[in-house]
Amino acid sequence: MAYMWVEIQLWYDPAEYPELHVEHWRFWMNGRLIFWKWGLHAPLTSNAALTQRRKRKMAAVAARVVFISMNIATFGYNNFLHRLEYSGNTLLMWWRGLPGKTSAAGSASAGPTSGDLGGMCRRSKFEYKTRIHSALTPGRLDKNAYKNMTSLLVLLGALNPACKKPENRLSDLALARVRLDVTSQRPARKHWKGNLKAGVWKALVEDTRIRDLQATVEAQLRDSTYEIPRATAFDPKEATKSGYDPFKKADGSYTALAPDEGLPVDYDDVVAAQGDDDATSETVDEIIDMTGDQSQVVEGIPSGNNNDESSGSSSTASLLRKVNEKTPKTESK
């Protein structure tokens, strides 16, 4: 229940991106029990159980990085973030996977951490009961996790080409597409990148391996020879595993849903709709706000992890459709 799949909306059309979709389904079916247990964070009784849980956590984080890499390699960095934030369809992205509050990683983390259920019970009975009562509510366990995709990638170290744990960083192809967008002169939302002269952003920009691959990717995009990542074909036997939801319905349609019609508008189309190649980031932000951005705001930064049940996705779709009618149907691949 907490990490549902059937009849939940995506940030892309599965019919248009079937290979991305089958990898999404595999990631979700393989990982959602781990997501739930990690979010609940119940105490365990033995070191052996702790070791097994730790291994499963590491595998889930690595699988998420692979899936995010495929999204960025498919859509481009800016377009991927735009799709998540504009559609508001974020329930099929795992936003948690936080380091433990008392762990070495948690102590070193500049971002949110996760407390165990036992400690929560001792500290606050109300908080404990709230966690238990809402444990099966979609999106609730992820509510106080990473606020948007950029913060998730930065805090995980996924943008660092020299990350000491390769399984925790994006693929080279995805990093090349991130570098392509963050070094571009085209307008972008302010929170999509940090200071390119410091920290992980500087490491990404100055990495020669990624820079050279970016040049290759740019050339391929320019002459339409760029190929999006492929996936192993779906085998119906995969959906017979215990606890797995069907991949397709009896009529052949997908069990997860495409976004509302006309949503999300491609980010490049939003920029092009201005009719001004020299537009500033602030101007683009204004257009985004006009088209119905329903993201939560945390310290002035729009959140891509939108689990606010009150957000008006129908009005968002209507407004975005108006922009969509003015722009050609193009997709950065």
C-alpha atoms as a PDB file:
ATOM      1  CA  MET A   1       0.000   0.000   0.000  1.00  0.00           C
ATOM      2  CA  ALA A   2       2.727   2.493   0.931  1.00  0.00           C
ATOM      3  CA  TYR A   3       4.545   2.054  -2.389  1.00  0.00           C
ATOM      4  CA  MET A   4       1.722   1.311  -4.794  1.00  0.00           C
ATOM      5  CA  TRP A   5       2.150   0.931  -8.551  1.00  0.00           C
ATOM      6  CA  VAL A   6      -1.215   0.195 -10.163  1.00  0.00           C
ATOM      7  CA  GLU A   7      -3.145   3.302 -11.286  1.00  0.00           C
ATOM      8  CA  ILE A   8      -0.394   5.655 -10.052  1.00  0.00           C
ATOM      9  CA  GLN A   9       0.667   8.379 -12.499  1.00  0.00           C
ATOM     10  CA  LEU A  10       4.164   8.592 -13.964  1.00  0.00           C
ATOM     11  CA  TRP A  11       6.192  11.584 -15.164  1.00  0.00           C
ATOM     12  CA  TYR A  12       6.425  10.047 -18.655  1.00  0.00           C
ATOM     13  CA  ASP A  13       4.193   8.110 -21.031  1.00  0.00           C
ATOM     14  CA  PRO A  14       5.055   4.381 -20.730  1.00  0.00           C
ATOM     15  CA  ALA A  15       3.908   3.780 -24.302  1.00  0.00           C
ATOM     16  CA  GLU A  16       6.419   6.365 -25.530  1.00  0.00           C
ATOM     17  CA  TYR A  17       9.274   5.123 -23.328  1.00  0.00           C
ATOM     18  CA  PRO A  18       8.654   1.363 -22.914  1.00  0.00           C
ATOM     19  CA  GLU A  19      12.259   0.452 -22.083  1.00  0.00           C
ATOM     20  CA  LEU A  20      12.529   3.047 -19.347  1.00  0.00           C
ATOM     21  CA  HIS A  21       9.167   1.861 -18.068  1.00  0.00           C
ATOM     22  CA  VAL A  22      10.096  -1.801 -17.759  1.00  0.00           C
ATOM     23  CA  GLU A  23      13.223  -0.840 -15.800  1.00  0.00           C
ATOM     24  CA  HIS A  24      11.073   1.405 -13.613  1.00  0.00           C
ATOM     25  CA  TRP A  25       8.694  -1.472 -12.898  1.00  0.00           C
ATOM     26  CA  ARG A  26      11.580  -3.816 -12.059  1.00  0.00           C
ATOM     27  CA  PHE A  27      13.190  -1.260  -9.760  1.00  0.00           C
ATOM     28  CA  TRP A  28       9.888  -0.664  -7.965  1.00  0.00           C
ATOM     29  CA  MET A  29       8.856  -4.306  -7.606  1.00  0.00           C
ATOM     30  CA  ASN A  30      12.308  -5.424  -6.450  1.00  0.00           C
ATOM     31  CA  GLY A  31      12.763  -2.561  -4.037  1.00  0.00           C
ATOM     32  CA  ARG A  32       9.490  -1.422  -2.540  1.00  0.00           C
ATOM     33  CA  LEU A  33       9.510  -3.785   0.451  1.00  0.00           C
ATOM     34  CA  ILE A  34      13.020  -2.545   1.239  1.00  0.00           C
ATOM     35  CA  PHE A  35      11.836   1.071   0.817  1.00  0.00           C
ATOM     36  CA  TRP A  36       9.040   0.435   3.306  1.00  0.00           C
ATOM     37  CA  LYS A  37      11.181  -1.320   5.909  1.00  0.00           C
ATOM     38  CA  TRP A  38      13.832   1.385   5.661  1.00  0.00           C
ATOM     39  CA  GLY A  39      11.235   4.120   6.015  1.00  0.00           C
ATOM     40  CA  LEU A  40       9.659   2.438   9.037  1.00  0.00           C
ATOM     41  CA  HIS A  41      13.102   1.596  10.479  1.00  0.00           C
ATOM     42  CA  ALA A  42      11.923  -0.897  13.088  1.00  0.00           C
ATOM     43  CA  PRO A  43      14.611  -2.155  15.520  1.00  0.00           C
ATOM     44  CA  LEU A  44      16.076  -5.605  14.851  1.00  0.00           C
ATOM     45  CA  THR A  45      17.037  -8.248  17.366  1.00  0.00           C
ATOM     46  CA  SER A  46      20.323  -9.595  15.989  1.00  0.00           C
ATOM     47  CA  ASN A  47      23.523  -8.441  14.321  1.00  0.00           C
ATOM     48  CA  ALA A  48      22.895 -10.922  11.497  1.00  0.00           C
ATOM     49  CA  ALA A  49      19.548  -9.264  10.740  1.00  0.00           C
ATOM     50  CA  LEU A  50      21.195  -5.837  10.834  1.00  0.00           C
ATOM     51  CA  THR A  51      23.850  -6.996   8.380  1.00  0.00           C
ATOM     52  CA  GLN A  52      21.245  -8.359   5.969  1.00  0.00           C
ATOM     53  CA  ARG A  53      19.210  -5.162   6.157  1.00  0.00           C
ATOM     54  CA  ARG A  54      22.307  -3.082   5.522  1.00  0.00           C
ATOM     55  CA  LYS A  55      23.114  -5.119   2.402  1.00  0.00           C
ATOM     56  CA  ARG A  56      19.567  -4.726   1.101  1.00  0.00           C
ATOM     57  CA  LYS A  57      19.716  -0.982   1.742  1.00  0.00           C
ATOM     58  CA  MET A  58      22.943  -0.660  -0.233  1.00  0.00           C
ATOM     59  CA  ALA A  59      21.441  -2.660  -3.109  1.00  0.00           C
ATOM     60  CA  ALA A  60      18.320  -0.461  -3.146  1.00  0.00           C
ATOM     61  CA  VAL A  61      20.357   2.757  -3.233  1.00  0.00           C
ATOM     62  CA  ALA A  62      22.517   1.406  -6.062  1.00  0.00           C
ATOM     63  CA  ALA A  63      19.411   0.352  -8.031  1.00  0.00           C
ATOM     64  CA  ARG A  64      17.936   3.837  -7.632  1.00  0.00           C
ATOM     65  CA  VAL A  65      21.123   5.408  -8.994  1.00  0.00           C
ATOM     66  CA  VAL A  66      20.938   3.122 -12.035  1.00  0.00           C
ATOM     67  CA  PHE A  67      17.294   4.065 -12.616  1.00  0.00           C
ATOM     68  CA  ILE A  68      17.941   7.797 -12.224  1.00  0.00           C
ATOM     69  CA  SER A  69      20.889   7.470 -14.614  1.00  0.00           C
ATOM     70  CA  MET A  70      18.573   5.971 -17.218  1.00  0.00           C
ATOM     71  CA  ASN A  71      16.102   8.843 -16.780  1.00  0.00           C
ATOM     72  CA  ILE A  72      18.784  11.498 -17.205  1.00  0.00           C
ATOM     73  CA  ALA A  73      20.331   9.693 -20.172  1.00  0.00           C
ATOM     74  CA  THR A  74      16.869   9.455 -21.755  1.00  0.00           C
ATOM     75  CA  PHE A  75      15.464  12.938 -21.111  1.00  0.00           C
ATOM     76  CA  GLY A  76      18.490  15.052 -20.277  1.00  0.00           C
ATOM     77  CA  TYR A  77      19.101  16.488 -16.811  1.00  0.00           C
ATOM     78  CA  ASN A  78      16.939  19.618 -17.009  1.00  0.00           C
ATOM     79  CA  ASN A  79      14.082  17.833 -18.731  1.00  0.00           C
ATOM     80  CA  PHE A  80      14.074  15.029 -16.160  1.00  0.00           C
ATOM     81  CA  LEU A  81      13.896  17.454 -13.237  1.00  0.00           C
ATOM     82  CA  HIS A  82      11.258  19.468 -15.061  1.00  0.00           C
ATOM     83  CA  ARG A  83       9.108  16.392 -15.646  1.00  0.00           C
ATOM     84  CA  LEU A  84       9.213  15.430 -11.972  1.00  0.00           C
ATOM     85  CA  GLU A  85       8.497  18.906 -10.657  1.00  0.00           C
ATOM     86  CA  TYR A  86       5.841  19.882 -13.180  1.00  0.00           C
ATOM     87  CA  SER A  87       3.840  16.713 -13.287  1.00  0.00           C
ATOM     88  CA  GLY A  88       3.747  16.421  -9.502  1.00  0.00           C
ATOM     89  CA  ASN A  89       3.721  12.661 -10.164  1.00  0.00           C
ATOM     90  CA  THR A  90       6.438  11.769  -7.677  1.00  0.00           C
ATOM     91  CA  LEU A  91       4.906   8.809  -5.833  1.00  0.00           C
ATOM     92  CA  LEU A  92       6.768   6.382  -8.110  1.00  0.00           C
ATOM     93  CA  MET A  93      10.152   7.837  -7.206  1.00  0.00           C
ATOM     94  CA  TRP A  94      11.781   6.657  -3.985  1.00  0.00           C
ATOM     95  CA  TRP A  95      12.791   9.762  -2.057  1.00  0.00           C
ATOM     96  CA  ARG A  96      14.048   8.205   1.139  1.00  0.00           C
ATOM     97  CA  GLY A  97      17.074   5.951   1.737  1.00  0.00           C
ATOM     98  CA  LEU A  98      18.521   8.301   4.363  1.00  0.00           C
ATOM     99  CA  PRO A  99      21.594   7.470   6.458  1.00  0.00           C
ATOM    100  CA  GLY A 100      20.912   6.548  10.077  1.00  0.00           C
ATOM    101  CA  LYS A 101      21.039   9.422  12.534  1.00  0.00           C
ATOM    102  CA  THR A 102      23.630   7.669  14.730  1.00  0.00           C
ATOM    103  CA  SER A 103      25.662   6.098  11.899  1.00  0.00           C
ATOM    104  CA  ALA A 104      28.999   7.399  10.615  1.00  0.00           C
ATOM    105  CA  ALA A 105      27.329   8.380   7.330  1.00  0.00           C
ATOM    106  CA  GLY A 106      24.569  10.167   9.218  1.00  0.00           C
ATOM    107  CA  SER A 107      27.033  12.100  11.355  1.00  0.00           C
ATOM    108  CA  ALA A 108      28.883  13.230   8.231  1.00  0.00           C
ATOM    109  CA  SER A 109      25.744  14.034   6.233  1.00  0.00           C
ATOM    110  CA  ALA A 110      24.691  17.626   5.599  1.00  0.00           C
ATOM    111  CA  GLY A 111      21.192  16.448   4.740  1.00  0.00           C
ATOM    112  CA  PRO A 112      18.296  14.667   6.457  1.00  0.00           C
ATOM    113  CA  THR A 113      18.893  11.499   8.469  1.00  0.00           C
ATOM    114  CA  SER A 114      16.679   8.649   9.622  1.00  0.00           C
ATOM    115  CA  GLY A 115      15.940   7.795  13.250  1.00  0.00           C
ATOM    116  CA  ASP A 116      14.965   4.266  14.288  1.00  0.00           C
ATOM    117  CA  LEU A 117      11.456   3.460  15.459  1.00  0.00           C
ATOM    118  CA  GLY A 118      12.593   2.494  18.962  1.00  0.00           C
ATOM    119  CA  GLY A 119      14.325   5.823  19.536  1.00  0.00           C
ATOM    120  CA  MET A 120      11.288   7.642  18.183  1.00  0.00           C
ATOM    121  CA  CYS A 121       9.009   5.820  20.630  1.00  0.00           C
ATOM    122  CA  ARG A 122      11.217   6.826  23.564  1.00  0.00           C
ATOM    123  CA  ARG A 123      11.476  10.423  22.377  1.00  0.00           C
ATOM    124  CA  SER A 124       7.896  11.129  21.303  1.00  0.00           C
ATOM    125  CA  LYS A 125       4.911   8.822  21.627  1.00  0.00           C
ATOM    126  CA  PHE A 126       2.907  11.094  19.318  1.00  0.00           C
ATOM    127  CA  GLU A 127       5.539  10.982  16.556  1.00  0.00           C
ATOM    128  CA  TYR A 128       5.809   7.217  16.980  1.00  0.00           C
ATOM    129  CA  LYS A 129       2.047   6.673  16.688  1.00  0.00           C
ATOM    130  CA  THR A 130       1.886   8.979  13.677  1.00  0.00           C
ATOM    131  CA  ARG A 131       4.610   6.978  11.920  1.00  0.00           C
ATOM    132  CA  ILE A 132       2.843   3.682  12.624  1.00  0.00           C
ATOM    133  CA  HIS A 133      -0.627   4.900  11.616  1.00  0.00           C
ATOM    134  CA  SER A 134       0.605   6.420   8.354  1.00  0.00           C
ATOM    135  CA  ALA A 135       3.042   3.644   7.433  1.00  0.00           C
ATOM    136  CA  LEU A 136       0.783   2.338   4.652  1.00  0.00           C
ATOM    137  CA  THR A 137      -0.236   5.740   3.258  1.00  0.00           C
ATOM    138  CA  PRO A 138       1.367   6.335  -0.182  1.00  0.00           C
ATOM    139  CA  GLY A 139       4.154   8.912   0.005  1.00  0.00           C
ATOM    140  CA  ARG A 140       3.930   9.454   3.764  1.00  0.00           C
ATOM    141  CA  LEU A 141       7.130   7.620   4.743  1.00  0.00           C
ATOM    142  CA  ASP A 142       9.032   9.696   2.165  1.00  0.00           C
ATOM    143  CA  LYS A 143       7.557  13.006   3.290  1.00  0.00           C
ATOM    144  CA  ASN A 144      10.550  14.196   5.349  1.00  0.00           C
ATOM    145  CA  ALA A 145      13.210  12.798   3.049  1.00  0.00           C
ATOM    146  CA  TYR A 146      15.159  14.406   0.190  1.00  0.00           C
ATOM    147  CA  LYS A 147      13.207  17.469  -0.926  1.00  0.00           C
ATOM    148  CA  ASN A 148      14.086  17.361  -4.618  1.00  0.00           C
ATOM    149  CA  MET A 149      16.167  15.403  -7.090  1.00  0.00           C
ATOM    150  CA  THR A 150      19.123  17.798  -7.063  1.00  0.00           C
ATOM    151  CA  SER A 151      19.534  17.565  -3.294  1.00  0.00           C
ATOM    152  CA  LEU A 152      19.229  13.775  -3.465  1.00  0.00           C
ATOM    153  CA  LEU A 153      22.003  13.536  -6.055  1.00  0.00           C
ATOM    154  CA  VAL A 154      24.292  15.994  -4.269  1.00  0.00           C
ATOM    155  CA  LEU A 155      23.905  14.475  -0.806  1.00  0.00           C
ATOM    156  CA  LEU A 156      24.383  10.930  -2.112  1.00  0.00           C
ATOM    157  CA  GLY A 157      27.573  11.943  -3.922  1.00  0.00           C
ATOM    158  CA  ALA A 158      26.014  10.721  -7.170  1.00  0.00           C
ATOM    159  CA  LEU A 159      27.309  13.700  -9.178  1.00  0.00           C
ATOM    160  CA  ASN A 160      30.955  13.091  -8.335  1.00  0.00           C
ATOM    161  CA  PRO A 161      32.735  11.316 -11.234  1.00  0.00           C
ATOM    162  CA  ALA A 162      35.478  10.249  -8.804  1.00  0.00           C
ATOM    163  CA  CYS A 163      33.125   8.853  -6.146  1.00  0.00           C
ATOM    164  CA  LYS A 164      34.929   6.166  -4.143  1.00  0.00           C
ATOM    165  CA  LYS A 165      31.852   3.950  -4.424  1.00  0.00           C
ATOM    166  CA  PRO A 166      31.059   3.763  -8.167  1.00  0.00           C
ATOM    167  CA  GLU A 167      27.713   2.108  -7.446  1.00  0.00           C
ATOM    168  CA  ASN A 168      26.609   5.307  -5.680  1.00  0.00           C
ATOM    169  CA  ARG A 169      27.251   7.647  -8.607  1.00  0.00           C
ATOM    170  CA  LEU A 170      25.473   8.273 -11.872  1.00  0.00           C
ATOM    171  CA  SER A 171      26.652   6.551 -15.038  1.00  0.00           C
ATOM    172  CA  ASP A 172      29.172   8.416 -17.181  1.00  0.00           C
ATOM    173  CA  LEU A 173      26.501   8.993 -19.832  1.00  0.00           C
ATOM    174  CA  ALA A 174      24.132  10.518 -17.266  1.00  0.00           C
ATOM    175  CA  LEU A 175      26.936  12.667 -15.830  1.00  0.00           C
ATOM    176  CA  ALA A 176      27.758  13.895 -19.328  1.00  0.00           C
ATOM    177  CA  ARG A 177      24.143  14.972 -19.793  1.00  0.00           C
ATOM    178  CA  VAL A 178      24.149  16.690 -16.403  1.00  0.00           C
ATOM    179  CA  ARG A 179      27.339  18.537 -17.331  1.00  0.00           C
ATOM    180  CA  LEU A 180      25.864  19.479 -20.699  1.00  0.00           C
ATOM    181  CA  ASP A 181      22.874  21.167 -19.080  1.00  0.00           C
ATOM    182  CA  VAL A 182      24.542  22.831 -16.091  1.00  0.00           C
ATOM    183  CA  THR A 183      27.247  24.405 -18.278  1.00  0.00           C
ATOM    184  CA  SER A 184      24.757  25.501 -20.932  1.00  0.00           C
ATOM    185  CA  GLN A 185      23.806  29.157 -21.334  1.00  0.00           C
ATOM    186  CA  ARG A 186      20.151  28.219 -21.647  1.00  0.00           C
ATOM    187  CA  PRO A 187      17.982  29.349 -18.724  1.00  0.00           C
ATOM    188  CA  ALA A 188      17.300  26.875 -15.929  1.00  0.00           C
ATOM    189  CA  ARG A 189      15.688  26.884 -12.524  1.00  0.00           C
ATOM    190  CA  LYS A 190      18.048  28.141  -9.850  1.00  0.00           C
ATOM    191  CA  HIS A 191      17.951  25.061  -7.628  1.00  0.00           C
ATOM    192  CA  TRP A 192      18.881  22.668 -10.427  1.00  0.00           C
ATOM    193  CA  LYS A 193      22.585  23.337 -10.009  1.00  0.00           C
ATOM    194  CA  GLY A 194      25.021  24.665  -7.432  1.00  0.00           C
ATOM    195  CA  ASN A 195      28.221  26.684  -7.573  1.00  0.00           C
ATOM    196  CA  LEU A 196      30.197  25.279 -10.512  1.00  0.00           C
ATOM    197  CA  LYS A 197      33.413  26.591  -8.956  1.00  0.00           C
ATOM    198  CA  ALA A 198      33.146  24.617  -5.726  1.00  0.00           C
ATOM    199  CA  GLY A 199      32.475  21.161  -4.335  1.00  0.00           C
ATOM    200  CA  VAL A 200      30.928  18.336  -6.295  1.00  0.00           C
ATOM    201  CA  TRP A 201      29.788  20.665  -9.085  1.00  0.00           C
ATOM    202  CA  LYS A 202      33.365  21.792  -9.674  1.00  0.00           C
ATOM    203  CA  ALA A 203      34.506  18.154  -9.665  1.00  0.00           C
ATOM    204  CA  LEU A 204      31.917  17.339 -12.319  1.00  0.00           C
ATOM    205  CA  VAL A 205      32.709  20.318 -14.547  1.00  0.00           C
ATOM    206  CA  GLU A 206      36.480  19.788 -14.387  1.00  0.00           C
ATOM    207  CA  ASP A 207      36.483  16.024 -14.959  1.00  0.00           C
ATOM    208  CA  THR A 208      38.116  15.443 -18.354  1.00  0.00           C
ATOM    209  CA  ARG A 209      36.534  12.025 -18.894  1.00  0.00           C
ATOM    210  CA  ILE A 210      33.022  13.428 -18.531  1.00  0.00           C
ATOM    211  CA  ARG A 211      33.916  16.558 -20.514  1.00  0.00           C
ATOM    212  CA  ASP A 212      35.107  14.469 -23.470  1.00  0.00           C
ATOM    213  CA  LEU A 213      32.020  12.251 -23.331  1.00  0.00           C
ATOM    214  CA  GLN A 214      29.821  15.348 -23.228  1.00  0.00           C
ATOM    215  CA  ALA A 215      31.373  16.537 -26.490  1.00  0.00           C
ATOM    216  CA  THR A 216      30.494  13.194 -28.073  1.00  0.00           C
ATOM    217  CA  VAL A 217      26.937  13.330 -26.724  1.00  0.00           C
ATOM    218  CA  GLU A 218      26.474  16.890 -27.990  1.00  0.00           C
ATOM    219  CA  ALA A 219      27.539  15.837 -31.471  1.00  0.00           C
ATOM    220  CA  GLN A 220      25.157  12.864 -31.404  1.00  0.00           C
ATOM    221  CA  LEU A 221      22.249  15.016 -30.244  1.00  0.00           C
ATOM    222  CA  ARG A 222      23.032  17.534 -32.956  1.00  0.00           C
ATOM    223  CA  ASP A 223      22.996  14.988 -35.786  1.00  0.00           C
ATOM    224  CA  SER A 224      20.204  12.845 -34.281  1.00  0.00           C
ATOM    225  CA  THR A 225      22.354   9.751 -33.743  1.00  0.00           C
ATOM    226  CA  TYR A 226      22.099   9.751 -29.947  1.00  0.00           C
ATOM    227  CA  GLU A 227      20.620   6.521 -28.601  1.00  0.00           C
ATOM    228  CA  ILE A 228      18.758   6.319 -25.309  1.00  0.00           C
ATOM    229  CA  PRO A 229      19.593   3.404 -22.971  1.00  0.00           C
ATOM    230  CA  ARG A 230      18.039   0.041 -23.738  1.00  0.00           C
ATOM    231  CA  ALA A 231      16.537  -2.574 -21.433  1.00  0.00           C
ATOM    232  CA  THR A 232      16.082  -6.322 -21.471  1.00  0.00           C
ATOM    233  CA  ALA A 233      12.666  -7.163 -22.899  1.00  0.00           C
ATOM    234  CA  PHE A 234       9.896  -7.824 -20.387  1.00  0.00           C
ATOM    235  CA  ASP A 235       9.191 -11.485 -19.672  1.00  0.00           C
ATOM    236  CA  PRO A 236       5.621 -12.146 -18.446  1.00  0.00           C
ATOM    237  CA  LYS A 237       7.063 -14.643 -15.958  1.00  0.00           C
ATOM    238  CA  GLU A 238       8.600 -11.703 -14.090  1.00  0.00           C
ATOM    239  CA  ALA A 239       5.149 -10.553 -12.981  1.00  0.00           C
ATOM    240  CA  THR A 240       4.332 -13.924 -11.394  1.00  0.00           C
ATOM    241  CA  LYS A 241       6.687 -13.367  -8.456  1.00  0.00           C
ATOM    242  CA  SER A 242       5.082 -13.059  -5.050  1.00  0.00           C
ATOM    243  CA  GLY A 243       4.268  -9.478  -4.121  1.00  0.00           C
ATOM    244  CA  TYR A 244       4.695  -8.134  -7.659  1.00  0.00           C
ATOM    245  CA  ASP A 245       1.990  -6.063  -9.334  1.00  0.00           C
ATOM    246  CA  PRO A 246       1.053  -6.817 -12.963  1.00  0.00           C
ATOM    247  CA  PHE A 247       3.085  -4.965 -15.568  1.00  0.00           C
ATOM    248  CA  LYS A 248       0.125  -4.747 -17.961  1.00  0.00           C
ATOM    249  CA  LYS A 249      -3.628  -5.184 -17.770  1.00  0.00           C
ATOM    250  CA  ALA A 250      -5.555  -7.877 -19.639  1.00  0.00           C
ATOM    251  CA  ASP A 251      -6.261  -5.412 -22.458  1.00  0.00           C
ATOM    252  CA  GLY A 252      -2.530  -4.781 -22.956  1.00  0.00           C
ATOM    253  CA  SER A 253      -2.468  -1.310 -21.397  1.00  0.00           C
ATOM    254  CA  TYR A 254       0.033  -0.471 -18.686  1.00  0.00           C
ATOM    255  CA  THR A 255      -0.999  -0.713 -15.044  1.00  0.00           C
ATOM    256  CA  ALA A 256       0.819   2.521 -14.142  1.00  0.00           C
ATOM    257  CA  LEU A 257      -0.592   5.643 -15.777  1.00  0.00           C
ATOM    258  CA  ALA A 258       0.782   8.260 -18.145  1.00  0.00           C
ATOM    259  CA  PRO A 259       0.621  11.890 -16.957  1.00  0.00           C
ATOM    260  CA  ASP A 260      -2.499  13.944 -17.615  1.00  0.00           C
ATOM    261  CA  GLU A 261      -2.814  14.970 -21.269  1.00  0.00           C
ATOM    262  CA  GLY A 262      -0.496  17.845 -22.132  1.00  0.00           C
ATOM    263  CA  LEU A 263       1.597  17.342 -19.010  1.00  0.00           C
ATOM    264  CA  PRO A 264       4.446  17.728 -18.537  1.00  0.00           C
ATOM    265  CA  VAL A 265       5.502  20.191 -21.201  1.00  0.00           C
ATOM    266  CA  ASP A 266       9.070  19.571 -22.319  1.00  0.00           C
ATOM    267  CA  TYR A 267      11.365  22.043 -20.558  1.00  0.00           C
ATOM    268  CA  ASP A 268      13.023  23.125 -23.799  1.00  0.00           C
ATOM    269  CA  ASP A 269       9.544  23.956 -25.118  1.00  0.00           C
ATOM    270  CA  VAL A 270       8.834  26.090 -22.049  1.00  0.00           C
ATOM    271  CA  VAL A 271      12.025  28.051 -22.716  1.00  0.00           C
ATOM    272  CA  ALA A 272      11.303  28.309 -26.454  1.00  0.00           C
ATOM    273  CA  ALA A 273       7.771  29.547 -25.753  1.00  0.00           C
ATOM    274  CA  GLN A 274       9.285  32.820 -24.568  1.00  0.00           C
ATOM    275  CA  GLY A 275      10.555  33.572 -28.044  1.00  0.00           C
ATOM    276  CA  ASP A 276      13.737  35.008 -26.507  1.00  0.00           C
ATOM    277  CA  ASP A 277      16.954  33.026 -26.500  1.00  0.00           C
ATOM    278  CA  ASP A 278      18.542  35.550 -24.152  1.00  0.00           C
ATOM    279  CA  ALA A 279      15.935  35.069 -21.416  1.00  0.00           C
ATOM    280  CA  THR A 280      17.140  34.939 -17.836  1.00  0.00           C
ATOM    281  CA  SER A 281      16.577  32.178 -15.323  1.00  0.00           C
ATOM    282  CA  GLU A 282      14.216  34.482 -13.464  1.00  0.00           C
ATOM    283  CA  THR A 283      12.054  34.870 -16.581  1.00  0.00           C
ATOM    284  CA  VAL A 284      11.815  31.109 -16.987  1.00  0.00           C
ATOM    285  CA  ASP A 285      10.842  30.758 -13.328  1.00  0.00           C
ATOM    286  CA  GLU A 286       8.034  33.251 -13.916  1.00  0.00           C
ATOM    287  CA  ILE A 287       6.731  31.242 -16.875  1.00  0.00           C
ATOM    288  CA  ILE A 288       6.882  28.059 -14.813  1.00  0.00           C
ATOM    289  CA  ASP A 289       4.906  29.683 -12.030  1.00  0.00           C
ATOM    290  CA  MET A 290       2.348  30.945 -14.554  1.00  0.00           C
ATOM    291  CA  THR A 291       1.877  27.440 -15.927  1.00  0.00           C
ATOM    292  CA  GLY A 292       0.880  26.034 -12.579  1.00  0.00           C
ATOM    293  CA  ASP A 293       3.903  24.745 -10.670  1.00  0.00           C
ATOM    294  CA  GLN A 294       2.389  22.998  -7.652  1.00  0.00           C
ATOM    295  CA  SER A 295       5.688  22.138  -5.935  1.00  0.00           C
ATOM    296  CA  GLN A 296       6.015  22.690  -2.240  1.00  0.00           C
ATOM    297  CA  VAL A 297       8.468  25.383  -1.231  1.00  0.00           C
ATOM    298  CA  VAL A 298      11.149  24.662   1.323  1.00  0.00           C
ATOM    299  CA  GLU A 299      13.258  27.699   2.225  1.00  0.00           C
ATOM    300  CA  GLY A 300      12.483  29.185  -1.174  1.00  0.00           C
ATOM    301  CA  ILE A 301      13.471  26.052  -3.096  1.00  0.00           C
ATOM    302  CA  PRO A 302      10.668  24.284  -4.972  1.00  0.00           C
ATOM    303  CA  SER A 303      10.424  20.679  -3.890  1.00  0.00           C
ATOM    304  CA  GLY A 304      10.384  17.910  -6.482  1.00  0.00           C
ATOM    305  CA  ASN A 305       9.157  15.483  -3.837  1.00  0.00           C
ATOM    306  CA  ASN A 306       5.560  16.689  -3.881  1.00  0.00           C
ATOM    307  CA  ASN A 307       3.450  14.563  -1.579  1.00  0.00           C
ATOM    308  CA  ASP A 308       0.944  17.309  -0.781  1.00  0.00           C
ATOM    309  CA  GLU A 309      -2.476  15.745  -1.251  1.00  0.00           C
ATOM    310  CA  SER A 310      -4.016  19.184  -1.771  1.00  0.00           C
ATOM    311  CA  SER A 311      -2.029  20.105  -4.872  1.00  0.00           C
ATOM    312  CA  GLY A 312      -4.285  20.864  -7.840  1.00  0.00           C
ATOM    313  CA  SER A 313      -2.904  18.630 -10.553  1.00  0.00           C
ATOM    314  CA  SER A 314      -5.981  19.072 -12.737  1.00  0.00           C
ATOM    315  CA  SER A 315      -5.526  22.854 -12.917  1.00  0.00           C
ATOM    316  CA  THR A 316      -1.826  22.285 -13.534  1.00  0.00           C
ATOM    317  CA  ALA A 317      -2.632  20.057 -16.495  1.00  0.00           C
ATOM    318  CA  SER A 318      -5.032  22.616 -17.928  1.00  0.00           C
ATOM    319  CA  LEU A 319      -2.555  25.473 -17.692  1.00  0.00           C
ATOM    320  CA  LEU A 320       0.350  23.439 -19.029  1.00  0.00           C
ATOM    321  CA  ARG A 321      -1.779  22.290 -21.926  1.00  0.00           C
ATOM    322  CA  LYS A 322      -2.097  25.914 -23.041  1.00  0.00           C
ATOM    323  CA  VAL A 323       1.687  26.188 -23.226  1.00  0.00           C
ATOM    324  CA  ASN A 324       1.840  22.822 -24.953  1.00  0.00           C
ATOM    325  CA  GLU A 325      -0.479  24.042 -27.711  1.00  0.00           C
ATOM    326  CA  LYS A 326       1.936  26.862 -28.508  1.00  0.00           C
ATOM    327  CA  THR A 327       5.013  24.651 -28.739  1.00  0.00           C
ATOM    328  CA  PRO A 328       6.097  21.813 -31.027  1.00  0.00           C
ATOM    329  CA  LYS A 329       6.160  18.253 -29.727  1.00  0.00           C
ATOM    330  CA  THR A 330       9.876  17.739 -29.249  1.00  0.00           C
ATOM    331  CA  GLU A 331      11.820  15.657 -26.782  1.00  0.00           C
ATOM    332  CA  SER A 332      15.480  15.897 -25.933  1.00  0.00           C
ATOM    333  CA  LYS A 333      16.986  12.508 -26.339  1.00  0.00           C
END
